[in-house]
Protein backbone atom coordinates (compact mmCIF):
# COMPACT_ATOMS: atom_id res chain seq x y z
CA MET A 1 -26.81 40.80 -32.79
CA LYS A 2 -24.32 41.72 -30.08
CA ARG A 3 -26.98 41.07 -27.46
CA ARG A 4 -27.66 37.58 -28.92
CA VAL A 5 -24.01 36.75 -28.89
CA ARG A 6 -23.68 37.79 -25.30
CA TYR A 7 -26.85 35.76 -24.44
CA LEU A 8 -25.29 32.67 -26.11
CA CYS A 9 -22.02 33.11 -24.24
CA LEU A 10 -23.81 33.43 -20.96
CA MET A 11 -25.72 30.23 -21.52
CA LEU A 12 -22.48 28.38 -22.42
CA VAL A 13 -20.81 29.60 -19.16
CA VAL A 14 -23.92 28.50 -17.10
CA SER A 15 -24.00 25.04 -18.94
CA SER A 16 -20.47 24.68 -18.25
CA CYS A 17 -20.78 25.41 -14.57
CA LEU A 18 -23.74 23.08 -14.26
CA PHE A 19 -21.77 20.32 -16.03
CA LEU A 20 -18.84 20.80 -13.76
CA THR A 21 -20.94 20.85 -10.70
CA GLU A 22 -22.73 17.58 -11.73
CA ARG A 23 -19.37 15.95 -12.42
CA SER A 24 -18.08 16.98 -8.93
CA LEU A 25 -21.22 15.79 -7.34
CA GLN A 26 -20.87 12.49 -9.17
CA ALA A 27 -17.31 11.94 -8.08
CA LYS A 28 -18.08 12.73 -4.47
CA ALA A 29 -20.82 10.29 -4.71
CA HIS A 30 -18.47 7.28 -5.14
CA VAL A 31 -17.93 7.38 -1.41
CA SER A 32 -21.04 6.91 0.65
CA GLY A 33 -21.31 7.20 4.48
CA ASP A 34 -20.63 9.65 7.24
CA VAL A 35 -17.05 11.10 7.55
CA LEU A 36 -15.96 10.89 11.22
CA SER A 37 -14.99 13.96 12.99
CA SER A 38 -11.72 14.47 14.95
CA SER A 39 -13.44 13.83 18.20
CA GLU A 40 -15.19 10.66 16.67
CA ILE A 41 -11.79 9.39 15.47
CA ARG A 42 -10.08 9.89 18.94
CA LYS A 43 -12.84 8.14 20.66
CA LEU A 44 -12.95 5.21 18.32
CA VAL A 45 -9.14 4.46 18.22
CA ASN A 46 -7.52 5.81 21.41
CA GLY A 47 -6.17 2.90 23.58
CA GLN A 48 -7.63 0.40 21.07
CA THR A 49 -6.21 -2.49 19.08
CA ALA A 50 -7.90 -2.46 15.67
CA GLU A 51 -8.26 -5.44 13.46
CA VAL A 52 -7.95 -4.23 9.83
CA ALA A 53 -8.34 -5.74 6.47
CA PHE A 54 -6.47 -4.22 3.48
CA VAL A 55 -8.49 -3.78 0.31
CA LYS A 56 -5.69 -4.15 -2.42
CA THR A 57 -3.63 -7.04 -0.96
CA ASN A 58 -6.42 -8.88 1.08
CA GLU A 59 -3.91 -8.94 3.94
CA ASN A 60 -5.06 -8.68 7.62
CA GLY A 61 -3.32 -6.65 10.30
CA LEU A 62 -3.54 -5.10 13.75
CA PHE A 63 -3.02 -1.57 14.63
CA TYR A 64 -2.54 -0.35 18.25
CA PHE A 65 -3.07 3.32 19.10
CA SER A 66 -1.67 4.11 22.45
CA PRO A 67 -3.06 6.91 24.53
CA ASN A 68 0.42 8.48 24.70
CA GLY A 69 0.48 8.82 20.93
CA ALA A 70 2.64 5.79 20.22
CA PHE A 71 1.55 3.46 17.32
CA ASN A 72 2.21 -0.11 16.46
CA ARG A 73 1.06 -2.27 13.56
CA LEU A 74 1.58 -5.81 12.96
CA ILE A 75 1.27 -7.06 9.32
CA ASN A 76 2.46 -10.49 8.27
CA ASN A 77 4.35 -10.84 11.49
CA TRP A 78 6.29 -7.47 10.72
CA LEU A 79 6.13 -5.22 13.77
CA GLU A 80 6.53 -1.57 13.00
CA GLU A 81 6.58 1.39 15.53
CA GLY A 82 5.64 4.95 15.09
CA ARG A 83 3.23 7.77 16.14
CA TRP A 84 -0.43 8.72 15.69
CA LYS A 85 -2.49 11.84 15.94
CA VAL A 86 -5.72 13.40 14.61
CA ASN A 87 -5.35 16.67 12.69
CA LYS A 88 -7.74 19.50 12.52
CA ARG A 89 -8.99 18.49 9.15
CA ASP A 90 -10.65 15.32 10.60
CA ARG A 91 -7.79 12.98 9.41
CA LEU A 92 -6.18 10.09 11.26
CA CYS A 93 -2.41 10.54 10.78
CA VAL A 94 0.15 7.93 11.27
CA SER A 95 4.07 8.21 11.03
CA ILE A 96 6.08 5.03 10.83
CA ALA A 97 9.76 5.04 12.11
CA GLU A 98 9.86 8.87 12.22
CA GLY A 99 8.85 9.04 8.70
CA PRO A 100 6.36 11.48 7.01
CA TRP A 101 2.90 11.70 8.42
CA GLU A 102 0.14 9.95 6.26
CA CYS A 103 -3.30 11.30 6.98
CA ARG A 104 -6.41 9.45 6.08
CA MET A 105 -10.29 9.96 6.15
CA LEU A 106 -12.42 7.43 8.29
CA ILE A 107 -15.85 6.91 6.84
CA ARG A 108 -18.58 5.03 8.53
CA ASN A 109 -21.05 3.05 6.15
CA MET A 110 -23.64 1.06 7.96
CA GLU A 111 -21.62 -1.10 10.35
CA ASP A 112 -18.20 -0.78 8.49
CA ILE A 113 -15.59 1.96 9.08
CA GLY A 114 -13.37 2.39 5.94
CA GLN A 115 -10.05 4.30 5.73
CA TYR A 116 -9.70 6.32 2.63
CA VAL A 117 -6.91 8.21 0.90
CA ALA A 118 -8.53 11.62 0.28
CA LYS A 119 -8.62 12.78 -3.41
CA LYS A 120 -9.22 16.33 -4.55
CA ASP A 121 -11.89 15.20 -7.06
CA GLY A 122 -13.82 13.48 -4.30
CA ASN A 123 -13.17 10.02 -5.70
CA HIS A 124 -11.54 8.97 -2.42
CA ARG A 125 -9.55 5.58 -2.57
CA HIS A 126 -10.61 2.89 -0.22
CA GLU A 127 -7.41 1.71 1.64
CA LEU A 128 -8.56 -0.54 4.42
CA THR A 129 -11.44 -1.41 6.65
CA TYR A 130 -11.51 -1.53 10.40
CA VAL A 131 -13.04 -4.91 11.19
CA ASN A 132 -13.08 -4.96 15.01
CA PHE A 133 -11.75 -2.94 18.11
CA ASN A 134 -10.31 -4.44 21.23
CA ASN A 135 -9.41 -2.40 24.46
CA GLY A 136 -5.72 -2.48 25.20
CA ASN A 137 -2.50 -3.58 23.34
CA LYS A 138 -3.28 -6.99 21.95
CA ILE A 139 -0.05 -6.92 19.89
CA LEU A 140 1.97 -7.09 23.07
CA ALA A 141 -0.07 -10.14 24.18
CA LEU A 142 0.53 -11.85 20.82
CA GLU A 143 4.42 -11.18 21.31
CA LYS A 144 4.34 -13.06 24.63
CA SER A 145 2.14 -15.87 23.36
CA SER A 146 3.65 -16.75 20.11
CA SER A 147 6.80 -16.52 17.96
CA PRO A 148 8.38 -13.05 18.24
CA PRO A 149 7.49 -10.71 15.27
CA LEU A 150 9.93 -9.21 12.89
CA VAL A 151 11.16 -5.70 14.15
CA LYS A 152 13.11 -3.28 11.91
CA LEU A 153 16.11 -1.78 13.85
CA LYS A 154 16.50 1.93 14.11
CA LYS A 155 19.60 3.99 13.07
CA GLU A 156 21.03 4.11 16.65
CA GLU A 157 20.35 0.37 17.30
CA ILE A 158 22.13 -0.56 13.99
CA VAL A 159 25.28 1.46 14.81
CA MET A 160 25.47 -0.04 18.31
CA LEU A 161 25.05 -3.52 16.95
CA PHE A 162 27.63 -3.51 14.27
CA SER A 163 30.37 -0.90 15.16
CA ASP A 164 33.73 -2.27 16.30
CA LYS A 165 32.25 -5.71 15.69
CA THR A 166 33.41 -8.71 13.60
CA VAL A 167 30.10 -10.17 12.35
CA LYS A 168 29.75 -13.71 10.93
CA SER A 169 26.99 -13.83 8.23
CA LYS A 170 25.64 -16.30 5.78
CA THR A 171 23.65 -15.41 2.62
CA VAL A 172 20.27 -16.95 2.21
CA ARG A 173 20.44 -17.71 -1.50
CA LYS A 174 23.93 -19.27 -1.89
CA GLY A 175 24.87 -20.01 1.69
CA ARG A 176 28.07 -18.08 1.49
CA VAL A 177 29.76 -17.42 4.78
CA SER A 178 31.69 -14.19 5.60
CA LEU A 179 33.47 -12.42 8.42
CA THR A 180 33.12 -8.72 8.26
CA TYR A 181 34.71 -6.10 10.59
CA TYR A 182 32.86 -2.89 10.95
CA ARG A 183 35.23 -0.12 12.00
CA PRO A 184 33.72 2.84 14.00
CA ASP A 185 35.27 5.24 11.31
CA GLY A 186 32.91 3.73 8.65
CA THR A 187 35.37 1.48 6.94
CA LEU A 188 35.16 -2.21 6.90
CA GLU A 189 37.14 -5.41 5.97
CA VAL A 190 35.52 -8.59 4.59
CA PHE A 191 37.15 -12.12 4.81
CA ARG A 192 35.50 -14.47 2.54
CA ASN A 193 36.63 -17.62 0.72
CA GLY A 194 40.21 -17.00 1.81
CA ASN A 195 40.22 -13.42 0.37
CA LYS A 196 40.28 -10.07 2.10
CA LEU A 197 38.21 -7.26 0.59
CA SER A 198 37.92 -3.64 1.81
CA GLY A 199 34.98 -1.26 1.72
CA ALA A 200 32.71 1.27 3.58
CA TRP A 201 29.58 1.19 5.60
CA ARG A 202 27.09 3.73 6.97
CA VAL A 203 23.61 4.05 8.43
CA THR A 204 21.01 6.50 6.97
CA ASP A 205 18.50 8.50 8.77
CA ASN A 206 15.68 6.32 7.34
CA ASN A 207 17.24 3.27 9.15
CA ARG A 208 19.09 1.56 6.26
CA MET A 209 22.60 0.07 6.51
CA CYS A 210 24.57 0.84 3.48
CA LEU A 211 27.60 -1.31 2.35
CA LYS A 212 29.99 -0.61 -0.54
CA ILE A 213 32.66 -3.21 -1.23
CA LYS A 214 35.68 -2.15 -3.39
CA ASN A 215 34.22 -0.67 -6.64
CA SER A 216 30.78 -2.06 -6.42
CA LYS A 217 27.55 -0.05 -6.15
CA GLU A 218 26.47 0.87 -2.67
CA LYS A 219 23.46 -1.30 -1.46
CA CYS A 220 21.26 -0.16 1.36
CA ARG A 221 19.16 -2.62 3.43
CA ILE A 222 17.16 -2.84 6.47
CA ILE A 223 18.24 -4.80 9.56
CA VAL A 224 15.59 -6.87 11.28
CA LYS A 225 15.42 -8.49 14.72
CA ARG A 226 13.34 -11.57 15.54
CA GLY A 227 13.80 -12.67 19.18
CA THR A 228 17.54 -12.83 19.71
CA SER A 229 18.42 -13.23 15.97
CA PHE A 230 19.21 -10.53 13.35
CA SER A 231 18.80 -10.54 9.45
CA LYS A 232 19.29 -8.26 6.57
CA TYR A 233 16.28 -7.54 4.13
CA ILE A 234 15.96 -6.07 0.81
CA VAL A 235 13.20 -3.43 0.82
CA LYS A 236 10.49 -3.99 -1.93
CA LYS A 237 8.04 -1.39 -2.92
CA ASN A 238 5.17 -3.69 -2.43
CA GLY A 239 6.03 -4.25 1.10
CA GLN A 240 6.98 -7.94 0.62
CA HIS A 241 10.70 -7.56 1.77
CA GLN A 242 13.22 -10.28 0.73
CA GLN A 243 15.64 -11.82 3.22
CA SER A 244 19.12 -11.63 2.05
CA ILE A 245 21.47 -12.38 4.85
CA ASN A 246 21.35 -14.13 8.25
CA TYR A 247 23.70 -12.87 10.99
CA LEU A 248 25.20 -15.89 12.89
CA ARG A 249 27.40 -14.28 15.41
CA PHE A 250 28.61 -10.71 16.70
CA MET A 251 32.20 -10.59 18.13
CA PRO A 252 33.87 -7.54 19.78
CA GLY A 253 36.81 -6.05 17.82
CA LYS A 254 38.54 -7.58 14.79
CA GLN A 255 38.58 -11.36 14.94
CA PHE A 256 40.43 -12.41 11.74
């Protein structure tokens, strides 16, 4: 009897292992094609401008992988700068504005090369497709031949632009005009509709300018440059950032 019970337990263990193995193989079978190695990835992207198509949003973009490790991407006329590398696990890694590294698999399937978010269960998520590659920085060429792209300012650039300046601004939604003096000590004064308000300002390490007027909640936004003009944008999780303020003039010192 004991021998029979042991035999049944052993069969259950074997059956479970076979079932799990089959499930694992099925999960991994969702992605077909050859995973590119580190050397293949470097050879593919180094010094190239890639035309990409995003799977979820159907947007198109350009990625430039500089030989010195710099990275640029242009999506919906938004230009962002960062770094790129290939790690030991055969992943293409990108960091935007000194943010965290995001590493992805590149998989060749027939003529297409897809970029995938690696999943532990093997059911990797298709993020984008590399449509075409062109030698050199084609993003720079576009900047010179068309309207300037939107560029997010970094922390040091924001501080230099606003500190000890009186800034004339206009809200996008209501057209309200204000004068704001940004003191170097992190305090500020706002002159609006004949009234003066006090508050504070700071710039975070992730390149957000934060304002707190009187007892209101602190709000943090990105500052964007296009050509010679500057604007403030609300950051949306879906990447479709919303413009909130246009900056009309920057004047040295306090001007009201």
